């Protein structure tokens, strides 16, 4: 998938609904405050970076190793946003540089994901939120088996237990895992199910959310 195709997908009816649902889960868990700083690790074309900047009043920094994807992010960026090239495994920031940090499915494509997460924890002062792909989901059966297909090719799909265990031994507390997008088709049934089950900690949604507070 090209960066142009990826960015356009979020403007399709299904992509817009999935993106909005994931953003709501992330924002409710992360609880960013106006004036805080937020890092988006693996920001891609900046979809979530832009949403957080526009809707929370936080100042956003997006990081990605791919210059073609960052070019789109920069072209569409607005106030309170900045973008930089870099890798999650070696973040170019000092300790506790950001109030809060997100990584939305980017760790699913990093083989040394624990190394990347240590870096994320290192540069964060308050809270970390990870978006991961759930191996115990309908989407995995559709798109994740046999190495994955489309934009999911090569992705690592986590179980809820694996998502929780990513933080083992790190200076964090209050680790919590929940999920959303139980029926990721985006149709009327998917929207109805999501509305009914909103806020319940079910482990079968396609989007796994792992959240942890940084120890002070």
C-alpha atoms as a PDB file:
ATOM      1  CA  UNK A   1       0.000   0.000   0.000  1.00  0.00           C
ATOM      2  CA  UNK A   2       1.339   3.410  -0.956  1.00  0.00           C
ATOM      3  CA  UNK A   3       1.167   6.324   1.493  1.00  0.00           C
ATOM      4  CA  UNK A   4      -1.364   8.005  -0.820  1.00  0.00           C
ATOM      5  CA  UNK A   5      -3.603   4.925  -0.753  1.00  0.00           C
ATOM      6  CA  UNK A   6      -3.287   4.643   3.017  1.00  0.00           C
ATOM      7  CA  UNK A   7      -4.213   8.266   3.583  1.00  0.00           C
ATOM      8  CA  UNK A   8      -7.136   8.058   1.145  1.00  0.00           C
ATOM      9  CA  UNK A   9      -8.475   4.953   2.933  1.00  0.00           C
ATOM     10  CA  UNK A  10      -9.190   7.055   6.022  1.00  0.00           C
ATOM     11  CA  UNK A  11     -11.454   9.229   3.861  1.00  0.00           C
ATOM     12  CA  UNK A  12     -13.552   6.247   2.730  1.00  0.00           C
ATOM     13  CA  UNK A  13     -16.757   5.524   4.716  1.00  0.00           C
ATOM     14  CA  UNK A  14     -15.300   2.410   6.359  1.00  0.00           C
ATOM     15  CA  UNK A  15     -11.883   3.957   6.972  1.00  0.00           C
ATOM     16  CA  UNK A  16     -13.369   7.131   8.456  1.00  0.00           C
ATOM     17  CA  UNK A  17     -15.516   5.114  10.871  1.00  0.00           C
ATOM     18  CA  UNK A  18     -12.647   2.843  11.921  1.00  0.00           C
ATOM     19  CA  UNK A  19     -10.299   5.798  12.342  1.00  0.00           C
ATOM     20  CA  UNK A  20     -12.829   7.726  14.426  1.00  0.00           C
ATOM     21  CA  UNK A  21     -13.511   4.682  16.606  1.00  0.00           C
ATOM     22  CA  UNK A  22      -9.812   4.072  17.210  1.00  0.00           C
ATOM     23  CA  UNK A  23      -9.236   7.752  17.961  1.00  0.00           C
ATOM     24  CA  UNK A  24     -12.050   7.760  20.523  1.00  0.00           C
ATOM     25  CA  UNK A  25     -10.573   4.730  22.286  1.00  0.00           C
ATOM     26  CA  UNK A  26      -7.092   6.267  22.275  1.00  0.00           C
ATOM     27  CA  UNK A  27      -8.199   9.707  23.433  1.00  0.00           C
ATOM     28  CA  UNK A  28     -10.415   8.365  26.219  1.00  0.00           C
ATOM     29  CA  UNK A  29      -7.560   6.222  27.541  1.00  0.00           C
ATOM     30  CA  UNK A  30      -4.739   8.728  27.059  1.00  0.00           C
ATOM     31  CA  UNK A  31      -6.655  11.746  28.446  1.00  0.00           C
ATOM     32  CA  UNK A  32      -4.394  14.425  26.910  1.00  0.00           C
ATOM     33  CA  UNK A  33      -4.727  17.949  28.255  1.00  0.00           C
ATOM     34  CA  UNK A  34      -4.594  21.229  26.382  1.00  0.00           C
ATOM     35  CA  UNK A  35      -1.040  22.562  26.379  1.00  0.00           C
ATOM     36  CA  UNK A  36       0.567  19.152  26.910  1.00  0.00           C
ATOM     37  CA  UNK A  37       3.043  17.592  24.482  1.00  0.00           C
ATOM     38  CA  UNK A  38       2.260  14.325  22.704  1.00  0.00           C
ATOM     39  CA  UNK A  39       4.484  12.098  20.574  1.00  0.00           C
ATOM     40  CA  UNK A  40       3.066   9.882  17.801  1.00  0.00           C
ATOM     41  CA  UNK A  41       5.579   7.092  17.116  1.00  0.00           C
ATOM     42  CA  UNK A  42       5.190   5.632  13.642  1.00  0.00           C
ATOM     43  CA  UNK A  43       2.836   8.418  12.602  1.00  0.00           C
ATOM     44  CA  UNK A  44       2.781   7.469   8.916  1.00  0.00           C
ATOM     45  CA  UNK A  45       0.860  10.122   6.984  1.00  0.00           C
ATOM     46  CA  UNK A  46      -0.140  11.837  10.230  1.00  0.00           C
ATOM     47  CA  UNK A  47      -3.809  10.831  10.483  1.00  0.00           C
ATOM     48  CA  UNK A  48      -3.866  10.411  14.276  1.00  0.00           C
ATOM     49  CA  UNK A  49      -1.342  13.209  14.766  1.00  0.00           C
ATOM     50  CA  UNK A  50      -3.697  15.640  13.054  1.00  0.00           C
ATOM     51  CA  UNK A  51      -6.732  14.408  14.982  1.00  0.00           C
ATOM     52  CA  UNK A  52      -5.059  14.773  18.370  1.00  0.00           C
ATOM     53  CA  UNK A  53      -3.733  18.236  17.497  1.00  0.00           C
ATOM     54  CA  UNK A  54      -7.133  19.432  16.297  1.00  0.00           C
ATOM     55  CA  UNK A  55      -9.308  17.939  19.029  1.00  0.00           C
ATOM     56  CA  UNK A  56      -7.269  18.009  22.227  1.00  0.00           C
ATOM     57  CA  UNK A  57      -5.289  21.251  22.207  1.00  0.00           C
ATOM     58  CA  UNK A  58      -2.062  19.313  22.759  1.00  0.00           C
ATOM     59  CA  UNK A  59       1.144  20.002  20.813  1.00  0.00           C
ATOM     60  CA  UNK A  60       2.002  17.032  18.606  1.00  0.00           C
ATOM     61  CA  UNK A  61       5.232  15.611  17.244  1.00  0.00           C
ATOM     62  CA  UNK A  62       4.954  12.816  14.667  1.00  0.00           C
ATOM     63  CA  UNK A  63       7.891  10.483  14.001  1.00  0.00           C
ATOM     64  CA  UNK A  64       8.288   7.962  11.176  1.00  0.00           C
ATOM     65  CA  UNK A  65      11.247   6.390   9.335  1.00  0.00           C
ATOM     66  CA  UNK A  66       9.646   6.706   5.881  1.00  0.00           C
ATOM     67  CA  UNK A  67      10.217  10.071   4.178  1.00  0.00           C
ATOM     68  CA  UNK A  68       7.479   9.507   1.581  1.00  0.00           C
ATOM     69  CA  UNK A  69       4.872   9.067   4.311  1.00  0.00           C
ATOM     70  CA  UNK A  70       6.244  12.035   6.253  1.00  0.00           C
ATOM     71  CA  UNK A  71       5.968  14.200   3.148  1.00  0.00           C
ATOM     72  CA  UNK A  72       2.197  13.711   3.142  1.00  0.00           C
ATOM     73  CA  UNK A  73       2.052  14.326   6.888  1.00  0.00           C
ATOM     74  CA  UNK A  74       3.938  17.611   6.485  1.00  0.00           C
ATOM     75  CA  UNK A  75       1.791  18.717   3.541  1.00  0.00           C
ATOM     76  CA  UNK A  76      -1.403  18.176   5.544  1.00  0.00           C
ATOM     77  CA  UNK A  77      -0.105  19.340   8.908  1.00  0.00           C
ATOM     78  CA  UNK A  78      -1.568  22.297  10.736  1.00  0.00           C
ATOM     79  CA  UNK A  79      -1.009  24.256  13.944  1.00  0.00           C
ATOM     80  CA  UNK A  80       0.619  22.546  16.927  1.00  0.00           C
ATOM     81  CA  UNK A  81       2.141  19.822  14.752  1.00  0.00           C
ATOM     82  CA  UNK A  82       5.670  18.896  13.751  1.00  0.00           C
ATOM     83  CA  UNK A  83       7.136  15.882  11.976  1.00  0.00           C
ATOM     84  CA  UNK A  84      10.556  14.282  12.119  1.00  0.00           C
ATOM     85  CA  UNK A  85      12.250  11.247  10.586  1.00  0.00           C
ATOM     86  CA  UNK A  86      13.439   8.629  13.041  1.00  0.00           C
ATOM     87  CA  UNK A  87      13.111   5.077  14.280  1.00  0.00           C
ATOM     88  CA  UNK A  88      11.157   3.908  17.300  1.00  0.00           C
ATOM     89  CA  UNK A  89      14.066   1.753  18.472  1.00  0.00           C
ATOM     90  CA  UNK A  90      16.259   4.857  18.896  1.00  0.00           C
ATOM     91  CA  UNK A  91      14.103   7.905  19.501  1.00  0.00           C
ATOM     92  CA  UNK A  92      15.990  11.200  18.985  1.00  0.00           C
ATOM     93  CA  UNK A  93      14.652  12.791  22.182  1.00  0.00           C
ATOM     94  CA  UNK A  94      15.845  13.166  25.739  1.00  0.00           C
ATOM     95  CA  UNK A  95      14.351  11.355  28.725  1.00  0.00           C
ATOM     96  CA  UNK A  96      10.766  12.394  29.570  1.00  0.00           C
ATOM     97  CA  UNK A  97      10.515  14.830  26.674  1.00  0.00           C
ATOM     98  CA  UNK A  98       6.754  14.341  26.129  1.00  0.00           C
ATOM     99  CA  UNK A  99       3.777  14.219  28.465  1.00  0.00           C
ATOM    100  CA  UNK A 100       2.098  11.369  26.587  1.00  0.00           C
ATOM    101  CA  UNK A 101       2.986   9.047  23.714  1.00  0.00           C
ATOM    102  CA  UNK A 102       0.969   6.956  21.264  1.00  0.00           C
ATOM    103  CA  UNK A 103       2.062   4.260  18.829  1.00  0.00           C
ATOM    104  CA  UNK A 104      -0.834   3.139  16.646  1.00  0.00           C
ATOM    105  CA  UNK A 105      -0.083  -0.312  15.136  1.00  0.00           C
ATOM    106  CA  UNK A 106       3.507   0.773  14.422  1.00  0.00           C
ATOM    107  CA  UNK A 107       4.937  -1.735  16.912  1.00  0.00           C
ATOM    108  CA  UNK A 108       3.181  -4.498  14.949  1.00  0.00           C
ATOM    109  CA  UNK A 109       5.739  -3.961  12.174  1.00  0.00           C
ATOM    110  CA  UNK A 110       8.847  -3.686  14.375  1.00  0.00           C
ATOM    111  CA  UNK A 111      10.629  -6.941  15.095  1.00  0.00           C
ATOM    112  CA  UNK A 112      12.350  -5.534  18.195  1.00  0.00           C
ATOM    113  CA  UNK A 113       9.101  -4.205  19.645  1.00  0.00           C
ATOM    114  CA  UNK A 114      10.244  -4.369  23.265  1.00  0.00           C
ATOM    115  CA  UNK A 115      13.284  -2.249  22.410  1.00  0.00           C
ATOM    116  CA  UNK A 116      10.988   0.284  20.782  1.00  0.00           C
ATOM    117  CA  UNK A 117       8.631   0.270  23.762  1.00  0.00           C
ATOM    118  CA  UNK A 118      11.515   0.878  26.183  1.00  0.00           C
ATOM    119  CA  UNK A 119      12.360   3.973  24.143  1.00  0.00           C
ATOM    120  CA  UNK A 120       8.737   5.114  24.190  1.00  0.00           C
ATOM    121  CA  UNK A 121       8.593   4.731  27.959  1.00  0.00           C
ATOM    122  CA  UNK A 122      11.933   6.522  28.330  1.00  0.00           C
ATOM    123  CA  UNK A 123      10.809   9.680  26.539  1.00  0.00           C
ATOM    124  CA  UNK A 124       7.370   9.865  28.214  1.00  0.00           C
ATOM    125  CA  UNK A 125       6.483  11.610  31.490  1.00  0.00           C
ATOM    126  CA  UNK A 126       2.897  10.529  32.141  1.00  0.00           C
ATOM    127  CA  UNK A 127       1.123   7.913  30.002  1.00  0.00           C
ATOM    128  CA  UNK A 128       1.648   5.630  27.014  1.00  0.00           C
ATOM    129  CA  UNK A 129      -1.066   4.193  24.742  1.00  0.00           C
ATOM    130  CA  UNK A 130      -0.375   1.465  22.187  1.00  0.00           C
ATOM    131  CA  UNK A 131      -2.715   0.473  19.384  1.00  0.00           C
ATOM    132  CA  UNK A 132      -2.125  -3.150  18.382  1.00  0.00           C
ATOM    133  CA  UNK A 133      -3.744  -5.773  16.141  1.00  0.00           C
ATOM    134  CA  UNK A 134      -5.656  -8.489  17.992  1.00  0.00           C
ATOM    135  CA  UNK A 135      -4.999 -12.108  17.064  1.00  0.00           C
ATOM    136  CA  UNK A 136      -8.232 -13.056  18.849  1.00  0.00           C
ATOM    137  CA  UNK A 137     -10.423 -11.125  16.417  1.00  0.00           C
ATOM    138  CA  UNK A 138     -12.569 -11.497  13.336  1.00  0.00           C
ATOM    139  CA  UNK A 139     -10.209  -9.209  11.429  1.00  0.00           C
ATOM    140  CA  UNK A 140      -7.322 -11.614  12.037  1.00  0.00           C
ATOM    141  CA  UNK A 141      -9.328 -14.429  10.465  1.00  0.00           C
ATOM    142  CA  UNK A 142     -10.036 -12.202   7.461  1.00  0.00           C
ATOM    143  CA  UNK A 143      -6.718 -10.397   6.977  1.00  0.00           C
ATOM    144  CA  UNK A 144      -4.036 -11.708   9.327  1.00  0.00           C
ATOM    145  CA  UNK A 145      -3.489 -15.394   8.651  1.00  0.00           C
ATOM    146  CA  UNK A 146      -0.671 -16.833   6.529  1.00  0.00           C
ATOM    147  CA  UNK A 147       1.467 -13.709   6.784  1.00  0.00           C
ATOM    148  CA  UNK A 148      -1.366 -11.250   6.295  1.00  0.00           C
ATOM    149  CA  UNK A 149      -2.766  -9.543   3.219  1.00  0.00           C
ATOM    150  CA  UNK A 150      -2.917  -5.981   1.925  1.00  0.00           C
ATOM    151  CA  UNK A 151      -1.798  -3.396   4.465  1.00  0.00           C
ATOM    152  CA  UNK A 152      -1.577  -6.128   7.109  1.00  0.00           C
ATOM    153  CA  UNK A 153       1.113  -8.134   5.298  1.00  0.00           C
ATOM    154  CA  UNK A 154       3.989  -8.903   7.657  1.00  0.00           C
ATOM    155  CA  UNK A 155       2.234  -7.523  10.750  1.00  0.00           C
ATOM    156  CA  UNK A 156       2.518  -9.178  14.150  1.00  0.00           C
ATOM    157  CA  UNK A 157      -0.889  -9.758  15.742  1.00  0.00           C
ATOM    158  CA  UNK A 158      -0.878  -9.736  19.552  1.00  0.00           C
ATOM    159  CA  UNK A 159      -3.139 -11.515  22.000  1.00  0.00           C
ATOM    160  CA  UNK A 160      -4.472  -9.420  24.902  1.00  0.00           C
ATOM    161  CA  UNK A 161      -2.070 -11.276  27.205  1.00  0.00           C
ATOM    162  CA  UNK A 162       0.900 -10.484  24.975  1.00  0.00           C
ATOM    163  CA  UNK A 163      -0.121  -6.833  24.831  1.00  0.00           C
ATOM    164  CA  UNK A 164      -0.113  -6.658  28.642  1.00  0.00           C
ATOM    165  CA  UNK A 165       3.204  -8.526  28.876  1.00  0.00           C
ATOM    166  CA  UNK A 166       4.959  -6.027  26.594  1.00  0.00           C
ATOM    167  CA  UNK A 167       5.288  -3.753  29.634  1.00  0.00           C
ATOM    168  CA  UNK A 168       6.774  -6.425  31.944  1.00  0.00           C
ATOM    169  CA  UNK A 169       9.870  -5.152  33.722  1.00  0.00           C
ATOM    170  CA  UNK A 170       9.424  -1.559  32.603  1.00  0.00           C
ATOM    171  CA  UNK A 171       8.986   1.435  34.944  1.00  0.00           C
ATOM    172  CA  UNK A 172       5.211   1.654  34.497  1.00  0.00           C
ATOM    173  CA  UNK A 173       2.077   0.987  36.521  1.00  0.00           C
ATOM    174  CA  UNK A 174      -1.660   0.595  35.965  1.00  0.00           C
ATOM    175  CA  UNK A 175      -1.265  -1.419  32.766  1.00  0.00           C
ATOM    176  CA  UNK A 176      -4.669  -2.005  31.177  1.00  0.00           C
ATOM    177  CA  UNK A 177      -5.752  -3.689  27.944  1.00  0.00           C
ATOM    178  CA  UNK A 178      -9.084  -3.370  26.164  1.00  0.00           C
ATOM    179  CA  UNK A 179     -10.304  -3.661  22.594  1.00  0.00           C
ATOM    180  CA  UNK A 180     -12.682  -2.212  20.047  1.00  0.00           C
ATOM    181  CA  UNK A 181     -13.957  -2.863  16.527  1.00  0.00           C
ATOM    182  CA  UNK A 182     -15.508  -6.254  17.152  1.00  0.00           C
ATOM    183  CA  UNK A 183     -17.056  -6.226  13.663  1.00  0.00           C
ATOM    184  CA  UNK A 184     -14.624  -4.178  11.549  1.00  0.00           C
ATOM    185  CA  UNK A 185     -16.699  -4.162   8.351  1.00  0.00           C
ATOM    186  CA  UNK A 186     -17.973  -0.643   9.020  1.00  0.00           C
ATOM    187  CA  UNK A 187     -21.561  -1.469   8.036  1.00  0.00           C
ATOM    188  CA  UNK A 188     -24.707  -0.769  10.035  1.00  0.00           C
ATOM    189  CA  UNK A 189     -24.316  -3.986  12.075  1.00  0.00           C
ATOM    190  CA  UNK A 190     -20.713  -3.120  12.964  1.00  0.00           C
ATOM    191  CA  UNK A 191     -21.722   0.356  14.096  1.00  0.00           C
ATOM    192  CA  UNK A 192     -24.642  -0.967  16.104  1.00  0.00           C
ATOM    193  CA  UNK A 193     -22.513  -3.586  17.878  1.00  0.00           C
ATOM    194  CA  UNK A 194     -19.811  -1.024  18.652  1.00  0.00           C
ATOM    195  CA  UNK A 195     -22.359   1.405  20.098  1.00  0.00           C
ATOM    196  CA  UNK A 196     -23.889  -1.277  22.330  1.00  0.00           C
ATOM    197  CA  UNK A 197     -20.548  -2.575  23.597  1.00  0.00           C
ATOM    198  CA  UNK A 198     -18.798   0.793  23.925  1.00  0.00           C
ATOM    199  CA  UNK A 199     -16.774   0.958  27.131  1.00  0.00           C
ATOM    200  CA  UNK A 200     -16.892  -2.751  27.889  1.00  0.00           C
ATOM    201  CA  UNK A 201     -13.521  -4.457  28.235  1.00  0.00           C
ATOM    202  CA  UNK A 202     -14.079  -7.291  25.756  1.00  0.00           C
ATOM    203  CA  UNK A 203     -10.948  -9.037  24.405  1.00  0.00           C
ATOM    204  CA  UNK A 204     -12.175  -9.812  20.870  1.00  0.00           C
ATOM    205  CA  UNK A 205     -12.035  -6.474  19.026  1.00  0.00           C
ATOM    206  CA  UNK A 206      -9.663  -6.029  16.099  1.00  0.00           C
ATOM    207  CA  UNK A 207      -8.048  -2.994  17.734  1.00  0.00           C
ATOM    208  CA  UNK A 208      -6.193  -3.763  20.969  1.00  0.00           C
ATOM    209  CA  UNK A 209      -5.478  -0.805  23.223  1.00  0.00           C
ATOM    210  CA  UNK A 210      -2.725  -1.169  25.838  1.00  0.00           C
ATOM    211  CA  UNK A 211      -2.265   1.742  28.241  1.00  0.00           C
ATOM    212  CA  UNK A 212       0.241   2.321  31.056  1.00  0.00           C
ATOM    213  CA  UNK A 213       1.182   5.156  33.404  1.00  0.00           C
ATOM    214  CA  UNK A 214       4.842   6.045  33.791  1.00  0.00           C
ATOM    215  CA  UNK A 215       6.221   5.555  37.284  1.00  0.00           C
ATOM    216  CA  UNK A 216       7.236   8.798  38.949  1.00  0.00           C
END
